[in-house]
Protein backbone atom coordinates (compact mmCIF):
# COMPACT_ATOMS: atom_id res chain seq x y z
CA UNK A 1 103.87 164.51 64.41
CA UNK A 2 100.36 164.73 65.84
CA UNK A 3 100.34 164.22 69.60
CA UNK A 4 96.58 164.54 70.01
CA UNK A 5 93.39 165.91 68.55
CA UNK A 6 90.31 167.21 70.28
CA UNK A 7 86.91 168.46 69.21
CA UNK A 8 84.10 170.00 71.20
CA UNK A 9 80.76 171.66 70.54
CA UNK A 10 79.14 174.30 72.75
CA UNK A 11 75.57 175.60 72.79
CA UNK A 12 75.79 179.41 72.73
CA UNK A 13 72.58 180.11 74.66
CA UNK A 14 73.32 177.44 77.28
CA UNK A 15 76.73 178.95 78.05
CA UNK A 16 75.29 182.49 78.03
CA UNK A 17 72.57 181.45 80.51
CA UNK A 18 75.09 179.70 82.80
CA UNK A 19 77.31 182.79 82.93
CA UNK A 20 74.29 185.03 83.65
CA UNK A 21 73.14 182.72 86.46
CA UNK A 22 76.64 182.49 87.95
CA UNK A 23 78.64 185.62 87.05
CA UNK A 24 81.81 184.32 88.79
CA UNK A 25 81.85 181.49 86.24
CA UNK A 26 83.26 183.84 83.60
CA UNK A 27 86.30 184.55 85.81
CA UNK A 28 86.90 180.82 86.35
CA UNK A 29 86.52 179.86 82.69
CA UNK A 30 87.89 182.75 80.65
CA UNK A 31 91.10 184.77 80.53
CA UNK A 32 90.57 188.56 80.68
CA UNK A 33 91.18 188.92 76.93
CA UNK A 34 88.37 186.46 76.16
CA UNK A 35 85.71 188.21 78.26
CA UNK A 36 83.49 190.99 77.02
CA UNK A 37 82.92 189.70 73.51
CA UNK A 38 79.72 188.34 72.02
CA UNK A 39 78.17 185.19 73.47
CA UNK A 40 79.24 183.22 70.39
CA UNK A 41 82.88 184.13 71.07
CA UNK A 42 82.66 182.94 74.67
CA UNK A 43 81.10 179.67 73.55
CA UNK A 44 83.82 179.22 70.92
CA UNK A 45 86.51 179.86 73.56
CA UNK A 46 84.89 177.33 75.89
CA UNK A 47 84.70 174.71 73.12
CA UNK A 48 88.37 175.37 72.30
CA UNK A 49 89.39 174.85 75.94
CA UNK A 50 87.49 171.55 76.07
CA UNK A 51 89.10 170.47 72.79
CA UNK A 52 92.57 171.29 74.17
CA UNK A 53 91.91 169.13 77.23
CA UNK A 54 90.83 166.27 74.96
CA UNK A 55 93.89 166.69 72.73
CA UNK A 56 96.05 166.36 75.86
CA UNK A 57 94.23 163.22 77.00
CA UNK A 58 92.26 164.92 79.77
CA UNK A 59 94.91 165.21 82.48
CA UNK A 60 93.73 166.27 85.92
CA UNK A 61 94.51 169.71 87.24
CA UNK A 62 94.15 171.80 84.08
CA UNK A 63 93.04 175.37 84.76
CA UNK A 64 90.58 176.82 82.26
CA UNK A 65 92.33 180.18 82.25
CA UNK A 66 95.67 178.56 81.34
CA UNK A 67 94.50 178.27 77.74
CA UNK A 68 93.41 181.39 75.90
CA UNK A 69 92.00 181.90 72.43
CA UNK A 70 93.75 184.81 70.76
CA UNK A 71 93.71 186.08 67.17
CA UNK A 72 96.51 187.04 64.80
CA UNK A 73 96.50 190.25 62.74
CA UNK A 74 94.25 188.59 60.14
CA UNK A 75 91.73 187.39 62.74
CA UNK A 76 92.82 183.75 62.63
CA UNK A 77 92.18 182.06 65.99
CA UNK A 78 95.21 180.70 67.83
CA UNK A 79 95.91 179.19 71.24
CA UNK A 80 98.13 180.62 73.93
CA UNK A 81 98.87 178.20 76.78
CA UNK A 82 100.47 178.79 80.17
CA UNK A 83 100.67 177.23 83.62
CA UNK A 84 99.01 173.84 83.99
CA UNK A 85 98.16 173.49 80.30
CA UNK A 86 101.68 174.42 79.16
CA UNK A 87 103.14 171.89 81.64
CA UNK A 88 100.84 169.10 80.43
CA UNK A 89 101.63 169.95 76.81
CA UNK A 90 105.39 170.01 77.46
CA UNK A 91 105.24 166.59 79.15
CA UNK A 92 103.76 165.20 75.92
CA UNK A 93 106.18 167.05 73.67
CA UNK A 94 103.62 169.46 72.22
CA UNK A 95 105.36 172.33 70.42
CA UNK A 96 102.55 173.79 68.36
CA UNK A 97 98.78 174.02 68.27
CA UNK A 98 96.28 174.25 65.42
CA UNK A 99 92.78 175.61 66.07
CA UNK A 100 89.68 175.88 63.93
CA UNK A 101 86.42 177.43 65.17
CA UNK A 102 82.98 177.56 63.56
CA UNK A 103 79.56 178.93 64.54
CA UNK A 104 76.18 177.93 63.11
CA UNK A 105 72.63 177.40 64.28
CA UNK A 106 73.30 178.50 67.86
CA UNK A 107 76.28 176.18 68.25
CA UNK A 108 80.06 176.61 68.22
CA UNK A 109 82.52 173.88 67.37
CA UNK A 110 86.27 173.82 68.01
CA UNK A 111 88.85 171.48 66.54
CA UNK A 112 92.34 171.36 68.08
CA UNK A 113 95.44 169.54 66.91
CA UNK A 114 98.44 169.29 69.24
CA UNK A 115 101.69 168.73 67.35
CA UNK A 116 105.23 167.88 68.41
């Protein structure tokens, strides 16, 4: 059963500029495995994190680094949650996540489905 869905869009250049202006922002927003990739990947990860928060109903206290975008052996994006995000998901009965990412025209979009 679907517990929640979330979608978010991120402007690649806007996120890139924010991280360049405030380098510590990358440490607050992204897990170590997400850093160091192209700007479009960072924007996709950010959009995914926002979409996760929306799928969970936007509970207070979520840490950005407690949700990480990872990829399986085929390159398919997946979510790995821990800490505050895992606790919020567990309280809602979330057992699995579905993630879709897309990039086009300087934008990234993420769609997340939380399922029990």
